C-alpha atoms as a PDB file:
ATOM      1  CA  UNK A   1      80.584 105.181  99.343  1.00  0.00           C
ATOM      2  CA  UNK A   2      82.118 103.876  96.150  1.00  0.00           C
ATOM      3  CA  UNK A   3      83.743 100.830  94.614  1.00  0.00           C
ATOM      4  CA  UNK A   4      87.436 100.851  93.678  1.00  0.00           C
ATOM      5  CA  UNK A   5      88.564  99.247  90.421  1.00  0.00           C
ATOM      6  CA  UNK A   6      92.240  98.590  89.731  1.00  0.00           C
ATOM      7  CA  UNK A   7      92.968  97.474  86.160  1.00  0.00           C
ATOM      8  CA  UNK A   8      96.364  96.348  84.827  1.00  0.00           C
ATOM      9  CA  UNK A   9      98.168  98.734  87.171  1.00  0.00           C
ATOM     10  CA  UNK A  10     101.949  98.759  86.923  1.00  0.00           C
ATOM     11  CA  UNK A  11     104.517 100.743  88.876  1.00  0.00           C
ATOM     12  CA  UNK A  12     108.194 101.219  88.196  1.00  0.00           C
ATOM     13  CA  UNK A  13     110.824 103.345  89.845  1.00  0.00           C
ATOM     14  CA  UNK A  14     113.221 103.886  86.959  1.00  0.00           C
ATOM     15  CA  UNK A  15     114.298 100.461  85.726  1.00  0.00           C
ATOM     16  CA  UNK A  16     112.992  98.725  88.865  1.00  0.00           C
ATOM     17  CA  UNK A  17     109.513  97.192  88.513  1.00  0.00           C
ATOM     18  CA  UNK A  18     107.409  97.223  91.712  1.00  0.00           C
ATOM     19  CA  UNK A  19     103.944  96.163  90.482  1.00  0.00           C
ATOM     20  CA  UNK A  20     103.302  93.922  87.476  1.00  0.00           C
ATOM     21  CA  UNK A  21      99.811  94.502  86.079  1.00  0.00           C
ATOM     22  CA  UNK A  22      97.620  94.274  89.192  1.00  0.00           C
ATOM     23  CA  UNK A  23      93.849  93.744  88.804  1.00  0.00           C
ATOM     24  CA  UNK A  24      91.535  94.085  91.821  1.00  0.00           C
ATOM     25  CA  UNK A  25      87.791  94.797  92.040  1.00  0.00           C
ATOM     26  CA  UNK A  26      86.855  96.242  95.458  1.00  0.00           C
ATOM     27  CA  UNK A  27      83.111  96.268  96.088  1.00  0.00           C
ATOM     28  CA  UNK A  28      81.225  99.275  97.372  1.00  0.00           C
ATOM     29  CA  UNK A  29      81.027  99.129 101.172  1.00  0.00           C
ATOM     30  CA  UNK A  30      83.436  96.205 101.505  1.00  0.00           C
ATOM     31  CA  UNK A  31      86.465  95.814 103.772  1.00  0.00           C
ATOM     32  CA  UNK A  32      89.345  94.646 101.573  1.00  0.00           C
ATOM     33  CA  UNK A  33      92.754  93.837 103.029  1.00  0.00           C
ATOM     34  CA  UNK A  34      95.971  93.839 101.004  1.00  0.00           C
ATOM     35  CA  UNK A  35      98.361  91.476 102.752  1.00  0.00           C
ATOM     36  CA  UNK A  36     101.821  90.158 102.011  1.00  0.00           C
ATOM     37  CA  UNK A  37     105.437  90.207 103.168  1.00  0.00           C
ATOM     38  CA  UNK A  38     107.427  93.433 103.362  1.00  0.00           C
ATOM     39  CA  UNK A  39     108.379  94.730  99.929  1.00  0.00           C
ATOM     40  CA  UNK A  40     105.543  93.015  98.035  1.00  0.00           C
ATOM     41  CA  UNK A  41     104.103  96.345  96.797  1.00  0.00           C
ATOM     42  CA  UNK A  42     100.952  96.597  98.919  1.00  0.00           C
ATOM     43  CA  UNK A  43     101.710 100.024 100.449  1.00  0.00           C
ATOM     44  CA  UNK A  44     102.794 101.358  97.056  1.00  0.00           C
ATOM     45  CA  UNK A  45      99.453 100.234  95.615  1.00  0.00           C
ATOM     46  CA  UNK A  46      97.561 101.929  98.449  1.00  0.00           C
ATOM     47  CA  UNK A  47      99.492 105.168  97.869  1.00  0.00           C
ATOM     48  CA  UNK A  48      98.605 104.977  94.182  1.00  0.00           C
ATOM     49  CA  UNK A  49      94.907 104.718  95.075  1.00  0.00           C
ATOM     50  CA  UNK A  50      95.377 107.770  97.305  1.00  0.00           C
ATOM     51  CA  UNK A  51      97.216 109.721  94.601  1.00  0.00           C
ATOM     52  CA  UNK A  52     100.461 109.912  96.570  1.00  0.00           C
ATOM     53  CA  UNK A  53     102.298 107.849  93.936  1.00  0.00           C
ATOM     54  CA  UNK A  54     101.983 108.132  90.160  1.00  0.00           C
ATOM     55  CA  UNK A  55     100.752 105.155  88.132  1.00  0.00           C
ATOM     56  CA  UNK A  56     103.217 103.942  85.500  1.00  0.00           C
ATOM     57  CA  UNK A  57     100.423 102.325  83.479  1.00  0.00           C
ATOM     58  CA  UNK A  58      96.930 100.972  83.932  1.00  0.00           C
ATOM     59  CA  UNK A  59      93.838 102.568  85.451  1.00  0.00           C
ATOM     60  CA  UNK A  60      92.335 103.198  88.869  1.00  0.00           C
ATOM     61  CA  UNK A  61      88.670 104.145  89.217  1.00  0.00           C
ATOM     62  CA  UNK A  62      86.843 105.259  92.346  1.00  0.00           C
ATOM     63  CA  UNK A  63      83.168 104.772  91.660  1.00  0.00           C
ATOM     64  CA  UNK A  64      82.739 105.582  87.978  1.00  0.00           C
ATOM     65  CA  UNK A  65      85.503 108.233  87.975  1.00  0.00           C
ATOM     66  CA  UNK A  66      88.965 107.604  86.542  1.00  0.00           C
ATOM     67  CA  UNK A  67      91.370 109.098  89.075  1.00  0.00           C
ATOM     68  CA  UNK A  68      94.795 108.466  87.507  1.00  0.00           C
ATOM     69  CA  UNK A  69      95.481 112.151  87.014  1.00  0.00           C
ATOM     70  CA  UNK A  70      93.499 113.587  89.935  1.00  0.00           C
ATOM     71  CA  UNK A  71      95.342 115.032  92.974  1.00  0.00           C
ATOM     72  CA  UNK A  72      94.604 113.381  96.354  1.00  0.00           C
ATOM     73  CA  UNK A  73      92.216 116.112  97.509  1.00  0.00           C
ATOM     74  CA  UNK A  74      89.934 115.501  94.517  1.00  0.00           C
ATOM     75  CA  UNK A  75      89.673 111.734  94.984  1.00  0.00           C
ATOM     76  CA  UNK A  76      87.266 111.856  97.956  1.00  0.00           C
ATOM     77  CA  UNK A  77      89.390 109.461 100.022  1.00  0.00           C
ATOM     78  CA  UNK A  78      90.747 109.641 103.568  1.00  0.00           C
ATOM     79  CA  UNK A  79      93.945 107.921 104.656  1.00  0.00           C
ATOM     80  CA  UNK A  80      95.015 106.696 108.089  1.00  0.00           C
ATOM     81  CA  UNK A  81      98.782 106.306 108.393  1.00  0.00           C
ATOM     82  CA  UNK A  82     101.002 104.014 110.443  1.00  0.00           C
ATOM     83  CA  UNK A  83     102.535 106.924 112.375  1.00  0.00           C
ATOM     84  CA  UNK A  84      99.203 108.751 113.039  1.00  0.00           C
ATOM     85  CA  UNK A  85     100.559 112.024 111.460  1.00  0.00           C
ATOM     86  CA  UNK A  86      98.922 114.263 114.075  1.00  0.00           C
ATOM     87  CA  UNK A  87      99.865 117.922 114.496  1.00  0.00           C
ATOM     88  CA  UNK A  88     101.537 118.108 117.941  1.00  0.00           C
ATOM     89  CA  UNK A  89     100.647 121.787 118.496  1.00  0.00           C
ATOM     90  CA  UNK A  90      96.921 121.227 117.902  1.00  0.00           C
ATOM     91  CA  UNK A  91      94.353 119.769 120.275  1.00  0.00           C
ATOM     92  CA  UNK A  92      92.470 116.610 119.386  1.00  0.00           C
ATOM     93  CA  UNK A  93      89.473 118.662 118.267  1.00  0.00           C
ATOM     94  CA  UNK A  94      91.593 120.931 116.048  1.00  0.00           C
ATOM     95  CA  UNK A  95      93.433 117.967 114.557  1.00  0.00           C
ATOM     96  CA  UNK A  96      90.118 116.397 113.597  1.00  0.00           C
ATOM     97  CA  UNK A  97      88.752 119.671 112.232  1.00  0.00           C
ATOM     98  CA  UNK A  98      91.852 120.736 110.298  1.00  0.00           C
ATOM     99  CA  UNK A  99      90.921 119.427 106.836  1.00  0.00           C
ATOM    100  CA  UNK A 100      87.410 120.879 107.165  1.00  0.00           C
ATOM    101  CA  UNK A 101      88.844 124.258 108.138  1.00  0.00           C
ATOM    102  CA  UNK A 102      91.056 124.190 105.037  1.00  0.00           C
ATOM    103  CA  UNK A 103      87.927 123.546 102.977  1.00  0.00           C
ATOM    104  CA  UNK A 104      86.444 126.699 104.585  1.00  0.00           C
ATOM    105  CA  UNK A 105      83.362 124.952 105.941  1.00  0.00           C
ATOM    106  CA  UNK A 106      81.142 126.836 108.345  1.00  0.00           C
ATOM    107  CA  UNK A 107      82.160 126.559 111.997  1.00  0.00           C
ATOM    108  CA  UNK A 108      78.832 125.080 113.015  1.00  0.00           C
ATOM    109  CA  UNK A 109      79.148 122.316 110.396  1.00  0.00           C
ATOM    110  CA  UNK A 110      82.720 121.571 111.463  1.00  0.00           C
ATOM    111  CA  UNK A 111      81.748 121.400 115.131  1.00  0.00           C
ATOM    112  CA  UNK A 112      78.876 119.018 114.343  1.00  0.00           C
ATOM    113  CA  UNK A 113      81.072 116.695 112.274  1.00  0.00           C
ATOM    114  CA  UNK A 114      83.836 116.634 114.906  1.00  0.00           C
ATOM    115  CA  UNK A 115      81.315 115.984 117.695  1.00  0.00           C
ATOM    116  CA  UNK A 116      79.766 113.083 115.747  1.00  0.00           C
ATOM    117  CA  UNK A 117      83.156 111.484 115.022  1.00  0.00           C
ATOM    118  CA  UNK A 118      84.295 111.997 118.622  1.00  0.00           C
ATOM    119  CA  UNK A 119      81.162 110.280 119.896  1.00  0.00           C
ATOM    120  CA  UNK A 120      81.614 107.312 117.551  1.00  0.00           C
ATOM    121  CA  UNK A 121      85.236 106.871 118.677  1.00  0.00           C
ATOM    122  CA  UNK A 122      84.746 107.692 122.398  1.00  0.00           C
ATOM    123  CA  UNK A 123      86.976 110.768 122.062  1.00  0.00           C
ATOM    124  CA  UNK A 124      84.584 113.395 123.422  1.00  0.00           C
ATOM    125  CA  UNK A 125      86.400 113.761 126.800  1.00  0.00           C
ATOM    126  CA  UNK A 126      89.734 114.141 124.987  1.00  0.00           C
ATOM    127  CA  UNK A 127      88.918 116.913 122.503  1.00  0.00           C
ATOM    128  CA  UNK A 128      90.933 119.549 124.410  1.00  0.00           C
ATOM    129  CA  UNK A 129      94.026 117.402 124.928  1.00  0.00           C
ATOM    130  CA  UNK A 130      97.183 117.446 122.820  1.00  0.00           C
ATOM    131  CA  UNK A 131      98.629 114.339 121.099  1.00  0.00           C
ATOM    132  CA  UNK A 132     101.477 114.095 123.639  1.00  0.00           C
ATOM    133  CA  UNK A 133      98.853 113.605 126.373  1.00  0.00           C
ATOM    134  CA  UNK A 134      97.316 110.565 124.637  1.00  0.00           C
ATOM    135  CA  UNK A 135      98.127 106.859 124.562  1.00  0.00           C
ATOM    136  CA  UNK A 136      98.984 105.116 121.289  1.00  0.00           C
ATOM    137  CA  UNK A 137      95.470 103.730 120.930  1.00  0.00           C
ATOM    138  CA  UNK A 138      93.918 107.145 121.568  1.00  0.00           C
ATOM    139  CA  UNK A 139      96.179 108.754 118.958  1.00  0.00           C
ATOM    140  CA  UNK A 140      95.137 106.136 116.442  1.00  0.00           C
ATOM    141  CA  UNK A 141      91.471 106.867 117.164  1.00  0.00           C
ATOM    142  CA  UNK A 142      92.139 110.576 116.603  1.00  0.00           C
ATOM    143  CA  UNK A 143      93.724 109.730 113.242  1.00  0.00           C
ATOM    144  CA  UNK A 144      90.601 107.729 112.353  1.00  0.00           C
ATOM    145  CA  UNK A 145      88.398 110.565 113.582  1.00  0.00           C
ATOM    146  CA  UNK A 146      90.192 112.984 111.289  1.00  0.00           C
ATOM    147  CA  UNK A 147      89.329 110.643 108.416  1.00  0.00           C
ATOM    148  CA  UNK A 148      85.704 110.145 109.477  1.00  0.00           C
ATOM    149  CA  UNK A 149      84.853 113.867 109.601  1.00  0.00           C
ATOM    150  CA  UNK A 150      85.598 114.142 105.898  1.00  0.00           C
ATOM    151  CA  UNK A 151      82.861 111.576 105.142  1.00  0.00           C
ATOM    152  CA  UNK A 152      84.908 110.126 102.263  1.00  0.00           C
ATOM    153  CA  UNK A 153      83.885 107.572  99.670  1.00  0.00           C
ATOM    154  CA  UNK A 154      86.846 105.355 100.581  1.00  0.00           C
ATOM    155  CA  UNK A 155      88.961 104.864 103.724  1.00  0.00           C
ATOM    156  CA  UNK A 156      92.583 103.837 103.176  1.00  0.00           C
ATOM    157  CA  UNK A 157      94.520 102.307 106.099  1.00  0.00           C
ATOM    158  CA  UNK A 158      98.307 101.871 105.836  1.00  0.00           C
ATOM    159  CA  UNK A 159      99.383  99.422 108.593  1.00  0.00           C
ATOM    160  CA  UNK A 160      97.637 101.562 111.248  1.00  0.00           C
ATOM    161  CA  UNK A 161      98.178  99.146 114.158  1.00  0.00           C
ATOM    162  CA  UNK A 162     101.831  98.203 113.713  1.00  0.00           C
ATOM    163  CA  UNK A 163     103.054 100.699 116.341  1.00  0.00           C
ATOM    164  CA  UNK A 164     100.738  99.390 119.064  1.00  0.00           C
ATOM    165  CA  UNK A 165     101.431  96.684 121.625  1.00  0.00           C
ATOM    166  CA  UNK A 166      99.884  93.235 121.129  1.00  0.00           C
ATOM    167  CA  UNK A 167      96.913  93.645 123.485  1.00  0.00           C
ATOM    168  CA  UNK A 168      95.989  97.072 122.134  1.00  0.00           C
ATOM    169  CA  UNK A 169      96.330  95.826 118.576  1.00  0.00           C
ATOM    170  CA  UNK A 170      93.663  93.184 119.252  1.00  0.00           C
ATOM    171  CA  UNK A 171      91.335  95.801 120.785  1.00  0.00           C
ATOM    172  CA  UNK A 172      91.852  98.219 117.878  1.00  0.00           C
ATOM    173  CA  UNK A 173      91.118  95.487 115.330  1.00  0.00           C
ATOM    174  CA  UNK A 174      87.677  95.115 116.852  1.00  0.00           C
ATOM    175  CA  UNK A 175      87.173  98.886 116.978  1.00  0.00           C
ATOM    176  CA  UNK A 176      88.030  99.338 113.300  1.00  0.00           C
ATOM    177  CA  UNK A 177      85.805  96.422 112.285  1.00  0.00           C
ATOM    178  CA  UNK A 178      82.921  97.791 114.359  1.00  0.00           C
ATOM    179  CA  UNK A 179      83.511 101.237 112.870  1.00  0.00           C
ATOM    180  CA  UNK A 180      83.235  99.811 109.367  1.00  0.00           C
ATOM    181  CA  UNK A 181      80.015  97.999 110.235  1.00  0.00           C
ATOM    182  CA  UNK A 182      78.517 101.285 111.470  1.00  0.00           C
ATOM    183  CA  UNK A 183      79.702 103.561 108.661  1.00  0.00           C
ATOM    184  CA  UNK A 184      79.424 101.055 105.750  1.00  0.00           C
ATOM    185  CA  UNK A 185      82.178 102.954 103.926  1.00  0.00           C
ATOM    186  CA  UNK A 186      84.497 101.144 101.506  1.00  0.00           C
ATOM    187  CA  UNK A 187      87.778 100.328 103.266  1.00  0.00           C
ATOM    188  CA  UNK A 188      91.122  99.288 101.808  1.00  0.00           C
ATOM    189  CA  UNK A 189      93.513  98.137 104.526  1.00  0.00           C
ATOM    190  CA  UNK A 190      97.202  97.255 104.168  1.00  0.00           C
ATOM    191  CA  UNK A 191      98.992  94.967 106.628  1.00  0.00           C
ATOM    192  CA  UNK A 192     101.722  92.335 106.726  1.00  0.00           C
ATOM    193  CA  UNK A 193      99.919  90.672 109.659  1.00  0.00           C
ATOM    194  CA  UNK A 194      97.769  87.832 108.341  1.00  0.00           C
ATOM    195  CA  UNK A 195      95.863  87.616 111.659  1.00  0.00           C
ATOM    196  CA  UNK A 196      94.630  91.192 111.057  1.00  0.00           C
ATOM    197  CA  UNK A 197      93.670  90.194 107.532  1.00  0.00           C
ATOM    198  CA  UNK A 198      91.787  87.072 108.632  1.00  0.00           C
ATOM    199  CA  UNK A 199      89.834  88.759 111.422  1.00  0.00           C
ATOM    200  CA  UNK A 200      88.921  92.021 109.680  1.00  0.00           C
ATOM    201  CA  UNK A 201      88.465  91.414 105.966  1.00  0.00           C
ATOM    202  CA  UNK A 202      85.501  90.630 103.747  1.00  0.00           C
ATOM    203  CA  UNK A 203      88.057  90.022 100.986  1.00  0.00           C
ATOM    204  CA  UNK A 204      91.788  89.359 101.239  1.00  0.00           C
ATOM    205  CA  UNK A 205      94.246  90.074  98.433  1.00  0.00           C
ATOM    206  CA  UNK A 206      97.503  88.167  98.983  1.00  0.00           C
ATOM    207  CA  UNK A 207     100.467  89.807  97.250  1.00  0.00           C
ATOM    208  CA  UNK A 208     104.040  88.695  96.620  1.00  0.00           C
ATOM    209  CA  UNK A 209     106.783  90.449  94.644  1.00  0.00           C
ATOM    210  CA  UNK A 210     104.403  92.903  92.969  1.00  0.00           C
ATOM    211  CA  UNK A 211     101.874  90.295  91.888  1.00  0.00           C
ATOM    212  CA  UNK A 212      98.589  88.963  93.251  1.00  0.00           C
ATOM    213  CA  UNK A 213      98.798  85.353  94.378  1.00  0.00           C
ATOM    214  CA  UNK A 214      95.140  84.873  95.380  1.00  0.00           C
ATOM    215  CA  UNK A 215      92.018  86.869  96.138  1.00  0.00           C
ATOM    216  CA  UNK A 216      89.065  85.642  98.176  1.00  0.00           C
ATOM    217  CA  UNK A 217      87.287  85.545 101.509  1.00  0.00           C
ATOM    218  CA  UNK A 218      89.417  84.718 104.580  1.00  0.00           C
ATOM    219  CA  UNK A 219      88.055  81.174 104.837  1.00  0.00           C
ATOM    220  CA  UNK A 220      88.418  80.582 101.087  1.00  0.00           C
ATOM    221  CA  UNK A 221      92.121  81.329 101.351  1.00  0.00           C
ATOM    222  CA  UNK A 222      92.449  79.264 104.522  1.00  0.00           C
ATOM    223  CA  UNK A 223      90.592  76.217 103.175  1.00  0.00           C
ATOM    224  CA  UNK A 224      91.538  76.391  99.484  1.00  0.00           C
ATOM    225  CA  UNK A 225      94.943  78.059  98.993  1.00  0.00           C
ATOM    226  CA  UNK A 226      96.003  78.033  95.331  1.00  0.00           C
ATOM    227  CA  UNK A 227      99.687  77.499  96.094  1.00  0.00           C
ATOM    228  CA  UNK A 228     102.125  76.754  98.895  1.00  0.00           C
ATOM    229  CA  UNK A 229     102.954  80.454  99.385  1.00  0.00           C
ATOM    230  CA  UNK A 230      99.343  81.373 100.237  1.00  0.00           C
ATOM    231  CA  UNK A 231      98.979  78.191 102.293  1.00  0.00           C
ATOM    232  CA  UNK A 232     102.055  79.052 104.346  1.00  0.00           C
ATOM    233  CA  UNK A 233     101.238  82.748 104.682  1.00  0.00           C
ATOM    234  CA  UNK A 234      97.606  82.456 105.776  1.00  0.00           C
ATOM    235  CA  UNK A 235      97.089  80.758 109.127  1.00  0.00           C
ATOM    236  CA  UNK A 236      98.930  80.912 112.448  1.00  0.00           C
ATOM    237  CA  UNK A 237     100.902  78.848 113.262  1.00  0.00           C
ATOM    238  CA  UNK A 238     101.813  78.364 109.613  1.00  0.00           C
ATOM    239  CA  UNK A 239     100.967  75.265 107.583  1.00  0.00           C
ATOM    240  CA  UNK A 240     103.462  72.401 107.741  1.00  0.00           C
ATOM    241  CA  UNK A 241     105.023  71.121 104.508  1.00  0.00           C
ATOM    242  CA  UNK A 242     106.683  67.733 104.084  1.00  0.00           C
ATOM    243  CA  UNK A 243     108.446  66.757 100.832  1.00  0.00           C
ATOM    244  CA  UNK A 244     107.565  63.416  99.295  1.00  0.00           C
ATOM    245  CA  UNK A 245     106.721  61.495  96.149  1.00  0.00           C
ATOM    246  CA  UNK A 246     103.199  60.895  94.876  1.00  0.00           C
ATOM    247  CA  UNK A 247     102.384  57.222  94.315  1.00  0.00           C
ATOM    248  CA  UNK A 248      99.293  56.089  92.373  1.00  0.00           C
ATOM    249  CA  UNK A 249      98.340  52.430  92.731  1.00  0.00           C
ATOM    250  CA  UNK A 250      95.054  50.852  91.697  1.00  0.00           C
ATOM    251  CA  UNK A 251      93.066  54.076  91.882  1.00  0.00           C
ATOM    252  CA  UNK A 252      94.438  54.945  95.333  1.00  0.00           C
ATOM    253  CA  UNK A 253      96.980  57.686  95.960  1.00  0.00           C
ATOM    254  CA  UNK A 254      99.468  58.146  98.753  1.00  0.00           C
ATOM    255  CA  UNK A 255     102.539  60.266  99.449  1.00  0.00           C
ATOM    256  CA  UNK A 256     105.783  58.514 100.282  1.00  0.00           C
ATOM    257  CA  UNK A 257     108.077  60.550 102.513  1.00  0.00           C
ATOM    258  CA  UNK A 258     111.853  60.326 102.396  1.00  0.00           C
ATOM    259  CA  UNK A 259     112.052  57.790 105.233  1.00  0.00           C
ATOM    260  CA  UNK A 260     109.466  55.536 103.606  1.00  0.00           C
ATOM    261  CA  UNK A 261     106.497  56.756 105.683  1.00  0.00           C
ATOM    262  CA  UNK A 262     103.307  56.574 103.627  1.00  0.00           C
ATOM    263  CA  UNK A 263     100.466  59.065 104.019  1.00  0.00           C
ATOM    264  CA  UNK A 264      97.101  58.996 102.258  1.00  0.00           C
ATOM    265  CA  UNK A 265      96.805  61.761  99.679  1.00  0.00           C
ATOM    266  CA  UNK A 266      93.827  64.136  99.907  1.00  0.00           C
ATOM    267  CA  UNK A 267      90.769  62.720  98.135  1.00  0.00           C
ATOM    268  CA  UNK A 268      90.582  65.524  95.548  1.00  0.00           C
ATOM    269  CA  UNK A 269      94.311  65.696  94.860  1.00  0.00           C
ATOM    270  CA  UNK A 270      95.662  65.564  91.312  1.00  0.00           C
ATOM    271  CA  UNK A 271      99.163  64.814  90.080  1.00  0.00           C
ATOM    272  CA  UNK A 272     100.976  61.967  88.364  1.00  0.00           C
ATOM    273  CA  UNK A 273     102.724  58.867  89.647  1.00  0.00           C
ATOM    274  CA  UNK A 274     106.274  59.604  90.789  1.00  0.00           C
ATOM    275  CA  UNK A 275     105.736  63.376  90.912  1.00  0.00           C
ATOM    276  CA  UNK A 276     107.726  65.233  93.623  1.00  0.00           C
ATOM    277  CA  UNK A 277     105.186  66.915  95.904  1.00  0.00           C
ATOM    278  CA  UNK A 278     104.718  68.759  99.157  1.00  0.00           C
ATOM    279  CA  UNK A 279     101.987  67.529 101.460  1.00  0.00           C
ATOM    280  CA  UNK A 280     100.662  70.377 103.585  1.00  0.00           C
ATOM    281  CA  UNK A 281      98.732  70.111 106.819  1.00  0.00           C
ATOM    282  CA  UNK A 282      97.831  72.750 109.364  1.00  0.00           C
ATOM    283  CA  UNK A 283      99.095  72.376 112.947  1.00  0.00           C
ATOM    284  CA  UNK A 284      95.553  71.998 114.295  1.00  0.00           C
ATOM    285  CA  UNK A 285      94.833  69.181 111.804  1.00  0.00           C
ATOM    286  CA  UNK A 286      97.486  66.808 113.175  1.00  0.00           C
ATOM    287  CA  UNK A 287      96.635  64.221 115.837  1.00  0.00           C
ATOM    288  CA  UNK A 288      98.567  61.620 117.775  1.00  0.00           C
ATOM    289  CA  UNK A 289      98.612  58.318 115.920  1.00  0.00           C
ATOM    290  CA  UNK A 290      97.916  55.022 117.675  1.00  0.00           C
ATOM    291  CA  UNK A 291      99.773  53.279 114.857  1.00  0.00           C
ATOM    292  CA  UNK A 292     101.694  54.444 111.795  1.00  0.00           C
ATOM    293  CA  UNK A 293     101.834  58.181 111.219  1.00  0.00           C
ATOM    294  CA  UNK A 294     104.834  60.500 110.930  1.00  0.00           C
ATOM    295  CA  UNK A 295     107.614  59.773 113.453  1.00  0.00           C
ATOM    296  CA  UNK A 296     108.556  63.196 114.843  1.00  0.00           C
ATOM    297  CA  UNK A 297     111.107  64.245 117.417  1.00  0.00           C
ATOM    298  CA  UNK A 298     109.785  66.706 120.004  1.00  0.00           C
ATOM    299  CA  UNK A 299     111.909  69.883 120.101  1.00  0.00           C
ATOM    300  CA  UNK A 300     109.945  72.431 122.161  1.00  0.00           C
ATOM    301  CA  UNK A 301     106.677  72.255 124.119  1.00  0.00           C
ATOM    302  CA  UNK A 302     104.838  75.578 124.673  1.00  0.00           C
ATOM    303  CA  UNK A 303     101.730  75.392 126.881  1.00  0.00           C
ATOM    304  CA  UNK A 304      99.493  78.447 126.438  1.00  0.00           C
ATOM    305  CA  UNK A 305      96.622  77.366 128.691  1.00  0.00           C
ATOM    306  CA  UNK A 306      93.858  76.666 126.221  1.00  0.00           C
ATOM    307  CA  UNK A 307      96.247  74.941 123.822  1.00  0.00           C
ATOM    308  CA  UNK A 308      99.662  73.322 123.728  1.00  0.00           C
ATOM    309  CA  UNK A 309     101.964  74.168 120.823  1.00  0.00           C
ATOM    310  CA  UNK A 310     104.550  71.472 120.113  1.00  0.00           C
ATOM    311  CA  UNK A 311     107.458  72.027 117.734  1.00  0.00           C
ATOM    312  CA  UNK A 312     108.770  68.811 116.188  1.00  0.00           C
ATOM    313  CA  UNK A 313     111.225  67.700 113.545  1.00  0.00           C
ATOM    314  CA  UNK A 314     110.921  64.956 110.932  1.00  0.00           C
ATOM    315  CA  UNK A 315     113.875  64.180 108.657  1.00  0.00           C
ATOM    316  CA  UNK A 316     115.081  67.786 108.993  1.00  0.00           C
ATOM    317  CA  UNK A 317     111.638  69.295 108.265  1.00  0.00           C
ATOM    318  CA  UNK A 318     110.015  71.415 110.969  1.00  0.00           C
ATOM    319  CA  UNK A 319     106.512  70.511 112.163  1.00  0.00           C
ATOM    320  CA  UNK A 320     104.217  72.543 114.405  1.00  0.00           C
ATOM    321  CA  UNK A 321     101.311  70.847 116.170  1.00  0.00           C
ATOM    322  CA  UNK A 322      98.485  72.430 118.163  1.00  0.00           C
ATOM    323  CA  UNK A 323      96.827  70.188 120.739  1.00  0.00           C
ATOM    324  CA  UNK A 324      93.683  71.179 122.571  1.00  0.00           C
ATOM    325  CA  UNK A 325      94.506  68.511 125.145  1.00  0.00           C
ATOM    326  CA  UNK A 326      97.383  68.899 127.562  1.00  0.00           C
ATOM    327  CA  UNK A 327     100.420  66.709 126.953  1.00  0.00           C
ATOM    328  CA  UNK A 328     103.631  66.409 128.897  1.00  0.00           C
ATOM    329  CA  UNK A 329     106.037  65.483 126.103  1.00  0.00           C
ATOM    330  CA  UNK A 330     109.735  65.442 126.891  1.00  0.00           C
ATOM    331  CA  UNK A 331     112.037  67.263 124.440  1.00  0.00           C
ATOM    332  CA  UNK A 332     113.929  64.649 122.449  1.00  0.00           C
ATOM    333  CA  UNK A 333     111.179  62.047 122.645  1.00  0.00           C
ATOM    334  CA  UNK A 334     109.469  60.674 119.532  1.00  0.00           C
ATOM    335  CA  UNK A 335     105.761  60.989 118.832  1.00  0.00           C
ATOM    336  CA  UNK A 336     103.785  59.817 115.816  1.00  0.00           C
ATOM    337  CA  UNK A 337     101.515  62.324 114.059  1.00  0.00           C
ATOM    338  CA  UNK A 338      98.632  61.623 111.710  1.00  0.00           C
ATOM    339  CA  UNK A 339      97.317  64.315 109.303  1.00  0.00           C
ATOM    340  CA  UNK A 340      93.590  64.719 108.761  1.00  0.00           C
ATOM    341  CA  UNK A 341      93.426  63.529 105.145  1.00  0.00           C
ATOM    342  CA  UNK A 342      90.213  65.492 104.500  1.00  0.00           C
ATOM    343  CA  UNK A 343      92.005  68.721 105.418  1.00  0.00           C
ATOM    344  CA  UNK A 344      95.405  68.076 103.897  1.00  0.00           C
ATOM    345  CA  UNK A 345      96.685  69.747 100.727  1.00  0.00           C
ATOM    346  CA  UNK A 346      98.991  68.571  97.964  1.00  0.00           C
ATOM    347  CA  UNK A 347     101.327  70.931  96.105  1.00  0.00           C
ATOM    348  CA  UNK A 348     103.745  70.459  93.224  1.00  0.00           C
ATOM    349  CA  UNK A 349     107.236  70.552  94.726  1.00  0.00           C
ATOM    350  CA  UNK A 350     108.756  72.768  92.009  1.00  0.00           C
ATOM    351  CA  UNK A 351     106.001  75.277  91.173  1.00  0.00           C
ATOM    352  CA  UNK A 352     104.211  75.258  94.557  1.00  0.00           C
ATOM    353  CA  UNK A 353     100.826  75.082  92.772  1.00  0.00           C
ATOM    354  CA  UNK A 354      98.082  73.121  94.491  1.00  0.00           C
ATOM    355  CA  UNK A 355      97.347  69.800  92.804  1.00  0.00           C
ATOM    356  CA  UNK A 356      93.613  69.307  92.346  1.00  0.00           C
ATOM    357  CA  UNK A 357      91.984  66.549  90.288  1.00  0.00           C
END
């Protein structure tokens, strides 16, 4: 096991900048997830840790070793790819043993390592099959097994579940998390799926356009997003944002929406009187108001069994609401919604930065 330290790392392809001075400290034995929209640079950063992409400037260290100029095979890492990258002409056992055979390990050692990995991943009955005879989830386990046998200091995962169906993706999330808890090996995991990030990570690094927006534990990012981008990216369904104007009167603060609706501002919110703001509230933190609240036109009602997801519209802004209770709202009808002021967030309308007193 080893920590991974990324210091002032930049990456350019010719005149095009991809990463702008990224700094991340990944603890030994942790499970760190790099998350962000497509094109934000997360996979490029992972490939730079692996040695598959050159670093334009900055430094990457694995443990206490600077690895900028080391080839992948000398970095003591193992990578699991999105497309599995299995050899179709080799059995499961030979796929898992291939890197050890290249290293000219003794057959008995190779067999022991493959058997251990196969047992951990429930692949023992499949060792004589070929990749074409396996399901997607089984192929992904073989790819992980091939990484495990190398006993690396760091596991690197590049969107390993994106080719699986929804149900299998959920099952594999649990398997990978359980695997990490058993092996205690440092893991760096790339995904664009924030649900994967929330459920698997010890630490999440949210990236956008080659920069880090926020780093922290899943609940830190959920409860205390530093800006509207992180707030809208983390959480499903996404946070609702309503534009308004901050009003400060006699020590009290409220947000005035475009139609004149007034909402209490969060207790710890900063900002100045008359400042254009966005008030953010998560779908599960909205309730039906007995009086006042945000008048919202019901657009779509989606019952899921345990919850009911209601899509609404207020003054052109979209609102999503999650009710634990069952409601039979008619599309086109008007309901009044009240945000939980203790769980609301206030953001500057222009910069998107969270306003905290």
